[in-house]
Amino acid sequence: MLYECRANAVIMSDDLSPIADKHLYTRLREISTVPCIVLGSKGEVERMMAIEDGADLYLDRLISHRILIAHMRSLLKVYSRRK
């Protein structure tokens, strides 16, 4: 999908079974340089691993839409400066 739609950012759930493993974030970084926010409710170790493997942020699934949008806007600003 990332190839087809030319996304400016990715927001994904941490339970994308059957591909929900650490290799998902690593693979995302191999094929794309867009910001990536993961939404979920896993423990500290899983959150840390997602960030270390390529996710920019791991936010609680219960986050408000306004806060999620603020985080995404912030990431888009940072990424636009890198180009």
PDB file of N, CA and C in Angstrom:
ATOM      1  N   MET A   1       0.813  -1.186   0.000  1.00  0.00           N
ATOM      2  CA  MET A   1       0.000   0.000   0.000  1.00  0.00           C
ATOM      3  C   MET A   1       0.861   1.256   0.000  1.00  0.00           C
ATOM      4  N   LEU A   2       1.971   1.195   0.701  1.00  0.00           N
ATOM      5  CA  LEU A   2       2.835   2.359   0.793  1.00  0.00           C
ATOM      6  C   LEU A   2       3.347   2.774  -0.584  1.00  0.00           C
ATOM      7  N   TYR A   3       3.635   1.798  -1.421  1.00  0.00           N
ATOM      8  CA  TYR A   3       4.086   2.101  -2.778  1.00  0.00           C
ATOM      9  C   TYR A   3       2.981   2.730  -3.608  1.00  0.00           C
ATOM     10  N   GLU A   4       1.779   2.219  -3.464  1.00  0.00           N
ATOM     11  CA  GLU A   4       0.664   2.643  -4.306  1.00  0.00           C
ATOM     12  C   GLU A   4       0.156   4.042  -3.997  1.00  0.00           C
ATOM     13  N   CYS A   5       0.069   4.396  -2.726  1.00  0.00           N
ATOM     14  CA  CYS A   5      -0.584   5.660  -2.383  1.00  0.00           C
ATOM     15  C   CYS A   5       0.394   6.805  -2.136  1.00  0.00           C
ATOM     16  N   ARG A   6       1.673   6.544  -2.093  1.00  0.00           N
ATOM     17  CA  ARG A   6       2.676   7.581  -1.854  1.00  0.00           C
ATOM     18  C   ARG A   6       2.333   8.412  -0.617  1.00  0.00           C
ATOM     19  N   ALA A   7       2.183   7.745   0.476  1.00  0.00           N
ATOM     20  CA  ALA A   7       1.778   8.368   1.742  1.00  0.00           C
ATOM     21  C   ALA A   7       2.820   9.370   2.229  1.00  0.00           C
ATOM     22  N   ASN A   8       2.344  10.396   2.898  1.00  0.00           N
ATOM     23  CA  ASN A   8       3.224  11.370   3.540  1.00  0.00           C
ATOM     24  C   ASN A   8       3.548  10.959   4.965  1.00  0.00           C
ATOM     25  N   ALA A   9       2.773  10.023   5.503  1.00  0.00           N
ATOM     26  CA  ALA A   9       2.965   9.544   6.868  1.00  0.00           C
ATOM     27  C   ALA A   9       2.226   8.225   7.041  1.00  0.00           C
ATOM     28  N   VAL A  10       2.587   7.510   8.107  1.00  0.00           N
ATOM     29  CA  VAL A  10       1.937   6.240   8.418  1.00  0.00           C
ATOM     30  C   VAL A  10       1.501   6.253   9.879  1.00  0.00           C
ATOM     31  N   ILE A  11       0.244   5.903  10.104  1.00  0.00           N
ATOM     32  CA  ILE A  11      -0.258   5.667  11.451  1.00  0.00           C
ATOM     33  C   ILE A  11      -0.764   4.232  11.449  1.00  0.00           C
ATOM     34  N   MET A  12      -0.196   3.414  12.316  1.00  0.00           N
ATOM     35  CA  MET A  12      -0.585   2.005  12.313  1.00  0.00           C
ATOM     36  C   MET A  12      -0.845   1.497  13.718  1.00  0.00           C
ATOM     37  N   SER A  13      -1.593   0.435  13.776  1.00  0.00           N
ATOM     38  CA  SER A  13      -1.883  -0.236  15.038  1.00  0.00           C
ATOM     39  C   SER A  13      -0.757  -1.206  15.357  1.00  0.00           C
ATOM     40  N   ASP A  14      -0.539  -1.464  16.623  1.00  0.00           N
ATOM     41  CA  ASP A  14       0.493  -2.422  17.013  1.00  0.00           C
ATOM     42  C   ASP A  14       0.030  -3.872  16.898  1.00  0.00           C
ATOM     43  N   ASP A  15      -1.208  -4.090  16.520  1.00  0.00           N
ATOM     44  CA  ASP A  15      -1.723  -5.461  16.415  1.00  0.00           C
ATOM     45  C   ASP A  15      -2.100  -5.827  14.980  1.00  0.00           C
ATOM     46  N   LEU A  16      -1.226  -5.523  14.060  1.00  0.00           N
ATOM     47  CA  LEU A  16      -1.463  -5.832  12.651  1.00  0.00           C
ATOM     48  C   LEU A  16      -1.154  -7.293  12.357  1.00  0.00           C
ATOM     49  N   SER A  17      -1.820  -8.198  13.042  1.00  0.00           N
ATOM     50  CA  SER A  17      -1.541  -9.613  12.805  1.00  0.00           C
ATOM     51  C   SER A  17      -1.912  -9.972  11.370  1.00  0.00           C
ATOM     52  N   PRO A  18      -1.234 -10.888  10.733  1.00  0.00           N
ATOM     53  CA  PRO A  18      -0.152 -11.712  11.280  1.00  0.00           C
ATOM     54  C   PRO A  18       1.237 -11.094  11.133  1.00  0.00           C
ATOM     55  N   ILE A  19       1.344  -9.847  10.698  1.00  0.00           N
ATOM     56  CA  ILE A  19       2.670  -9.278  10.478  1.00  0.00           C
ATOM     57  C   ILE A  19       3.144  -8.390  11.610  1.00  0.00           C
ATOM     58  N   ALA A  20       2.477  -8.420  12.744  1.00  0.00           N
ATOM     59  CA  ALA A  20       2.849  -7.544  13.855  1.00  0.00           C
ATOM     60  C   ALA A  20       4.061  -8.099  14.591  1.00  0.00           C
ATOM     61  N   ASP A  21       5.210  -7.802  14.086  1.00  0.00           N
ATOM     62  CA  ASP A  21       6.432  -8.148  14.791  1.00  0.00           C
ATOM     63  C   ASP A  21       7.445  -7.046  14.541  1.00  0.00           C
ATOM     64  N   LYS A  22       8.582  -7.143  15.171  1.00  0.00           N
ATOM     65  CA  LYS A  22       9.546  -6.060  15.073  1.00  0.00           C
ATOM     66  C   LYS A  22      10.038  -5.825  13.650  1.00  0.00           C
ATOM     67  N   HIS A  23       9.962  -6.818  12.805  1.00  0.00           N
ATOM     68  CA  HIS A  23      10.448  -6.675  11.448  1.00  0.00           C
ATOM     69  C   HIS A  23       9.578  -5.735  10.613  1.00  0.00           C
ATOM     70  N   LEU A  24       8.365  -5.515  11.023  1.00  0.00           N
ATOM     71  CA  LEU A  24       7.470  -4.613  10.301  1.00  0.00           C
ATOM     72  C   LEU A  24       8.044  -3.199  10.275  1.00  0.00           C
ATOM     73  N   TYR A  25       8.500  -2.697  11.399  1.00  0.00           N
ATOM     74  CA  TYR A  25       9.029  -1.336  11.466  1.00  0.00           C
ATOM     75  C   TYR A  25      10.369  -1.231  10.740  1.00  0.00           C
ATOM     76  N   THR A  26      11.189  -2.268  10.860  1.00  0.00           N
ATOM     77  CA  THR A  26      12.457  -2.294  10.142  1.00  0.00           C
ATOM     78  C   THR A  26      12.208  -2.284   8.642  1.00  0.00           C
ATOM     79  N   ARG A  27      11.266  -3.073   8.195  1.00  0.00           N
ATOM     80  CA  ARG A  27      10.927  -3.134   6.761  1.00  0.00           C
ATOM     81  C   ARG A  27      10.374  -1.795   6.280  1.00  0.00           C
ATOM     82  N   LEU A  28       9.550  -1.166   7.090  1.00  0.00           N
ATOM     83  CA  LEU A  28       9.015   0.148   6.736  1.00  0.00           C
ATOM     84  C   LEU A  28      10.156   1.126   6.488  1.00  0.00           C
ATOM     85  N   ARG A  29      11.160   1.124   7.344  1.00  0.00           N
ATOM     86  CA  ARG A  29      12.291   2.039   7.182  1.00  0.00           C
ATOM     87  C   ARG A  29      13.138   1.699   5.964  1.00  0.00           C
ATOM     88  N   GLU A  30      13.133   0.443   5.546  1.00  0.00           N
ATOM     89  CA  GLU A  30      13.879   0.057   4.349  1.00  0.00           C
ATOM     90  C   GLU A  30      13.236   0.609   3.088  1.00  0.00           C
ATOM     91  N   ILE A  31      11.916   0.762   3.093  1.00  0.00           N
ATOM     92  CA  ILE A  31      11.217   1.163   1.874  1.00  0.00           C
ATOM     93  C   ILE A  31      10.675   2.585   1.909  1.00  0.00           C
ATOM     94  N   SER A  32      10.735   3.247   3.076  1.00  0.00           N
ATOM     95  CA  SER A  32      10.127   4.563   3.167  1.00  0.00           C
ATOM     96  C   SER A  32      10.823   5.426   4.211  1.00  0.00           C
ATOM     97  N   THR A  33      10.723   6.726   4.005  1.00  0.00           N
ATOM     98  CA  THR A  33      11.280   7.679   4.968  1.00  0.00           C
ATOM     99  C   THR A  33      10.191   8.561   5.566  1.00  0.00           C
ATOM    100  N   VAL A  34       8.948   8.137   5.486  1.00  0.00           N
ATOM    101  CA  VAL A  34       7.851   8.936   6.025  1.00  0.00           C
ATOM    102  C   VAL A  34       7.742   8.750   7.536  1.00  0.00           C
ATOM    103  N   PRO A  35       7.172   9.728   8.243  1.00  0.00           N
ATOM    104  CA  PRO A  35       6.963   9.576   9.677  1.00  0.00           C
ATOM    105  C   PRO A  35       6.042   8.395   9.980  1.00  0.00           C
ATOM    106  N   CYS A  36       6.294   7.734  11.100  1.00  0.00           N
ATOM    107  CA  CYS A  36       5.506   6.567  11.481  1.00  0.00           C
ATOM    108  C   CYS A  36       5.103   6.655  12.944  1.00  0.00           C
ATOM    109  N   ILE A  37       3.798   6.654  13.191  1.00  0.00           N
ATOM    110  CA  ILE A  37       3.259   6.627  14.540  1.00  0.00           C
ATOM    111  C   ILE A  37       2.545   5.295  14.734  1.00  0.00           C
ATOM    112  N   VAL A  38       2.864   4.630  15.843  1.00  0.00           N
ATOM    113  CA  VAL A  38       2.212   3.374  16.187  1.00  0.00           C
ATOM    114  C   VAL A  38       1.253   3.644  17.347  1.00  0.00           C
ATOM    115  N   LEU A  39       0.027   3.144  17.206  1.00  0.00           N
ATOM    116  CA  LEU A  39      -0.970   3.256  18.272  1.00  0.00           C
ATOM    117  C   LEU A  39      -1.172   1.882  18.884  1.00  0.00           C
ATOM    118  N   GLY A  40      -1.146   1.813  20.200  1.00  0.00           N
ATOM    119  CA  GLY A  40      -1.334   0.522  20.833  1.00  0.00           C
ATOM    120  C   GLY A  40      -1.475   0.615  22.328  1.00  0.00           C
ATOM    121  N   SER A  41      -1.386  -0.547  22.944  1.00  0.00           N
ATOM    122  CA  SER A  41      -1.536  -0.617  24.392  1.00  0.00           C
ATOM    123  C   SER A  41      -0.594  -1.665  24.984  1.00  0.00           C
ATOM    124  N   LYS A  42       0.502  -1.908  24.318  1.00  0.00           N
ATOM    125  CA  LYS A  42       1.454  -2.916  24.791  1.00  0.00           C
ATOM    126  C   LYS A  42       2.318  -2.351  25.900  1.00  0.00           C
ATOM    127  N   GLY A  43       3.140  -3.192  26.459  1.00  0.00           N
ATOM    128  CA  GLY A  43       3.999  -2.809  27.568  1.00  0.00           C
ATOM    129  C   GLY A  43       5.203  -1.992  27.141  1.00  0.00           C
ATOM    130  N   GLU A  44       5.943  -1.576  28.131  1.00  0.00           N
ATOM    131  CA  GLU A  44       7.102  -0.714  27.910  1.00  0.00           C
ATOM    132  C   GLU A  44       8.138  -1.335  26.981  1.00  0.00           C
ATOM    133  N   VAL A  45       8.426  -2.607  27.143  1.00  0.00           N
ATOM    134  CA  VAL A  45       9.435  -3.265  26.311  1.00  0.00           C
ATOM    135  C   VAL A  45       9.010  -3.269  24.843  1.00  0.00           C
ATOM    136  N   GLU A  46       7.760  -3.604  24.567  1.00  0.00           N
ATOM    137  CA  GLU A  46       7.267  -3.625  23.190  1.00  0.00           C
ATOM    138  C   GLU A  46       7.280  -2.227  22.588  1.00  0.00           C
ATOM    139  N   ARG A  47       6.931  -1.225  23.373  1.00  0.00           N
ATOM    140  CA  ARG A  47       6.953   0.166  22.895  1.00  0.00           C
ATOM    141  C   ARG A  47       8.377   0.582  22.552  1.00  0.00           C
ATOM    142  N   MET A  48       9.301   0.256  23.434  1.00  0.00           N
ATOM    143  CA  MET A  48      10.701   0.588  23.213  1.00  0.00           C
ATOM    144  C   MET A  48      11.229  -0.085  21.950  1.00  0.00           C
ATOM    145  N   MET A  49      10.895  -1.360  21.770  1.00  0.00           N
ATOM    146  CA  MET A  49      11.362  -2.096  20.590  1.00  0.00           C
ATOM    147  C   MET A  49      10.808  -1.486  19.308  1.00  0.00           C
ATOM    148  N   ALA A  50       9.538  -1.089  19.303  1.00  0.00           N
ATOM    149  CA  ALA A  50       8.946  -0.482  18.108  1.00  0.00           C
ATOM    150  C   ALA A  50       9.691   0.787  17.726  1.00  0.00           C
ATOM    151  N   ILE A  51      10.018   1.602  18.715  1.00  0.00           N
ATOM    152  CA  ILE A  51      10.736   2.848  18.434  1.00  0.00           C
ATOM    153  C   ILE A  51      12.159   2.553  17.970  1.00  0.00           C
ATOM    154  N   GLU A  52      12.824   1.630  18.628  1.00  0.00           N
ATOM    155  CA  GLU A  52      14.190   1.278  18.227  1.00  0.00           C
ATOM    156  C   GLU A  52      14.237   0.659  16.835  1.00  0.00           C
ATOM    157  N   ASP A  53      13.158   0.002  16.421  1.00  0.00           N
ATOM    158  CA  ASP A  53      13.126  -0.654  15.115  1.00  0.00           C
ATOM    159  C   ASP A  53      12.616   0.239  13.989  1.00  0.00           C
ATOM    160  N   GLY A  54      12.250   1.503  14.306  1.00  0.00           N
ATOM    161  CA  GLY A  54      11.906   2.400  13.211  1.00  0.00           C
ATOM    162  C   GLY A  54      10.688   3.274  13.386  1.00  0.00           C
ATOM    163  N   ALA A  55       9.835   2.986  14.347  1.00  0.00           N
ATOM    164  CA  ALA A  55       8.677   3.855  14.569  1.00  0.00           C
ATOM    165  C   ALA A  55       9.169   5.167  15.187  1.00  0.00           C
ATOM    166  N   ASP A  56       8.557   6.274  14.806  1.00  0.00           N
ATOM    167  CA  ASP A  56       8.930   7.563  15.388  1.00  0.00           C
ATOM    168  C   ASP A  56       8.312   7.759  16.758  1.00  0.00           C
ATOM    169  N   LEU A  57       7.075   7.331  16.917  1.00  0.00           N
ATOM    170  CA  LEU A  57       6.357   7.464  18.181  1.00  0.00           C
ATOM    171  C   LEU A  57       5.503   6.237  18.415  1.00  0.00           C
ATOM    172  N   TYR A  58       5.330   5.891  19.671  1.00  0.00           N
ATOM    173  CA  TYR A  58       4.382   4.854  20.065  1.00  0.00           C
ATOM    174  C   TYR A  58       3.452   5.516  21.069  1.00  0.00           C
ATOM    175  N   LEU A  59       2.207   5.704  20.684  1.00  0.00           N
ATOM    176  CA  LEU A  59       1.242   6.411  21.515  1.00  0.00           C
ATOM    177  C   LEU A  59       0.154   5.468  21.984  1.00  0.00           C
ATOM    178  N   ASP A  60      -0.404   5.768  23.137  1.00  0.00           N
ATOM    179  CA  ASP A  60      -1.502   4.977  23.662  1.00  0.00           C
ATOM    180  C   ASP A  60      -2.696   5.050  22.723  1.00  0.00           C
ATOM    181  N   ARG A  61      -3.315   3.924  22.510  1.00  0.00           N
ATOM    182  CA  ARG A  61      -4.454   3.818  21.596  1.00  0.00           C
ATOM    183  C   ARG A  61      -5.598   4.757  21.981  1.00  0.00           C
ATOM    184  N   LEU A  62      -5.684   5.136  23.245  1.00  0.00           N
ATOM    185  CA  LEU A  62      -6.769   5.983  23.722  1.00  0.00           C
ATOM    186  C   LEU A  62      -6.462   7.479  23.592  1.00  0.00           C
ATOM    187  N   ILE A  63      -5.430   7.836  22.875  1.00  0.00           N
ATOM    188  CA  ILE A  63      -5.054   9.235  22.699  1.00  0.00           C
ATOM    189  C   ILE A  63      -6.167   9.997  21.968  1.00  0.00           C
ATOM    190  N   SER A  64      -6.324  11.258  22.290  1.00  0.00           N
ATOM    191  CA  SER A  64      -7.363  12.040  21.611  1.00  0.00           C
ATOM    192  C   SER A  64      -6.934  12.331  20.173  1.00  0.00           C
ATOM    193  N   HIS A  65      -7.904  12.539  19.320  1.00  0.00           N
ATOM    194  CA  HIS A  65      -7.607  12.840  17.920  1.00  0.00           C
ATOM    195  C   HIS A  65      -6.800  14.119  17.789  1.00  0.00           C
ATOM    196  N   ARG A  66      -7.101  15.113  18.603  1.00  0.00           N
ATOM    197  CA  ARG A  66      -6.382  16.390  18.536  1.00  0.00           C
ATOM    198  C   ARG A  66      -4.904  16.218  18.880  1.00  0.00           C
ATOM    199  N   ILE A  67      -4.618  15.438  19.900  1.00  0.00           N
ATOM    200  CA  ILE A  67      -3.223  15.202  20.273  1.00  0.00           C
ATOM    201  C   ILE A  67      -2.516  14.390  19.196  1.00  0.00           C
ATOM    202  N   LEU A  68      -3.183  13.396  18.649  1.00  0.00           N
ATOM    203  CA  LEU A  68      -2.597  12.604  17.561  1.00  0.00           C
ATOM    204  C   LEU A  68      -2.265  13.498  16.370  1.00  0.00           C
ATOM    205  N   ILE A  69      -3.167  14.370  16.001  1.00  0.00           N
ATOM    206  CA  ILE A  69      -2.927  15.291  14.879  1.00  0.00           C
ATOM    207  C   ILE A  69      -1.764  16.227  15.194  1.00  0.00           C
ATOM    208  N   ALA A  70      -1.686  16.710  16.426  1.00  0.00           N
ATOM    209  CA  ALA A  70      -0.577  17.585  16.816  1.00  0.00           C
ATOM    210  C   ALA A  70       0.765  16.867  16.691  1.00  0.00           C
ATOM    211  N   HIS A  71       0.819  15.612  17.140  1.00  0.00           N
ATOM    212  CA  HIS A  71       2.047  14.822  16.991  1.00  0.00           C
ATOM    213  C   HIS A  71       2.405  14.643  15.518  1.00  0.00           C
ATOM    214  N   MET A  72       1.411  14.328  14.692  1.00  0.00           N
ATOM    215  CA  MET A  72       1.682  14.112  13.269  1.00  0.00           C
ATOM    216  C   MET A  72       2.160  15.395  12.604  1.00  0.00           C
ATOM    217  N   ARG A  73       1.533  16.507  12.910  1.00  0.00           N
ATOM    218  CA  ARG A  73       1.982  17.787  12.332  1.00  0.00           C
ATOM    219  C   ARG A  73       3.427  18.084  12.727  1.00  0.00           C
ATOM    220  N   SER A  74       3.750  17.824  13.973  1.00  0.00           N
ATOM    221  CA  SER A  74       5.109  18.043  14.452  1.00  0.00           C
ATOM    222  C   SER A  74       6.110  17.167  13.696  1.00  0.00           C
ATOM    223  N   LEU A  75       5.787  15.900  13.545  1.00  0.00           N
ATOM    224  CA  LEU A  75       6.672  14.996  12.800  1.00  0.00           C
ATOM    225  C   LEU A  75       6.808  15.419  11.344  1.00  0.00           C
ATOM    226  N   LEU A  76       5.719  15.833  10.725  1.00  0.00           N
ATOM    227  CA  LEU A  76       5.776  16.267   9.329  1.00  0.00           C
ATOM    228  C   LEU A  76       6.677  17.490   9.168  1.00  0.00           C
ATOM    229  N   LYS A  77       6.661  18.393  10.139  1.00  0.00           N
ATOM    230  CA  LYS A  77       7.562  19.553  10.100  1.00  0.00           C
ATOM    231  C   LYS A  77       9.016  19.112  10.159  1.00  0.00           C
ATOM    232  N   VAL A  78       9.302  18.202  11.068  1.00  0.00           N
ATOM    233  CA  VAL A  78      10.681  17.715  11.213  1.00  0.00           C
ATOM    234  C   VAL A  78      11.137  17.018   9.935  1.00  0.00           C
ATOM    235  N   TYR A  79      10.284  16.151   9.400  1.00  0.00           N
ATOM    236  CA  TYR A  79      10.651  15.411   8.192  1.00  0.00           C
ATOM    237  C   TYR A  79      10.781  16.336   6.985  1.00  0.00           C
ATOM    238  N   SER A  80       9.986  17.387   6.903  1.00  0.00           N
ATOM    239  CA  SER A  80      10.074  18.293   5.758  1.00  0.00           C
ATOM    240  C   SER A  80      11.398  19.069   5.770  1.00  0.00           C
ATOM    241  N   ARG A  81      11.956  19.284   6.950  1.00  0.00           N
ATOM    242  CA  ARG A  81      13.259  19.978   7.061  1.00  0.00           C
ATOM    243  C   ARG A  81      14.412  19.082   6.607  1.00  0.00           C
ATOM    244  N   ARG A  82      14.207  17.780   6.670  1.00  0.00           N
ATOM    245  CA  ARG A  82      15.271  16.824   6.304  1.00  0.00           C
ATOM    246  C   ARG A  82      15.428  16.684   4.800  1.00  0.00           C
ATOM    247  N   LYS A  83      14.435  17.067   4.052  1.00  0.00           N
ATOM    248  CA  LYS A  83      14.478  16.846   2.592  1.00  0.00           C
ATOM    249  C   LYS A  83      15.371  17.837   1.899  1.00  0.00           C
TER     250      LYS A  83
END
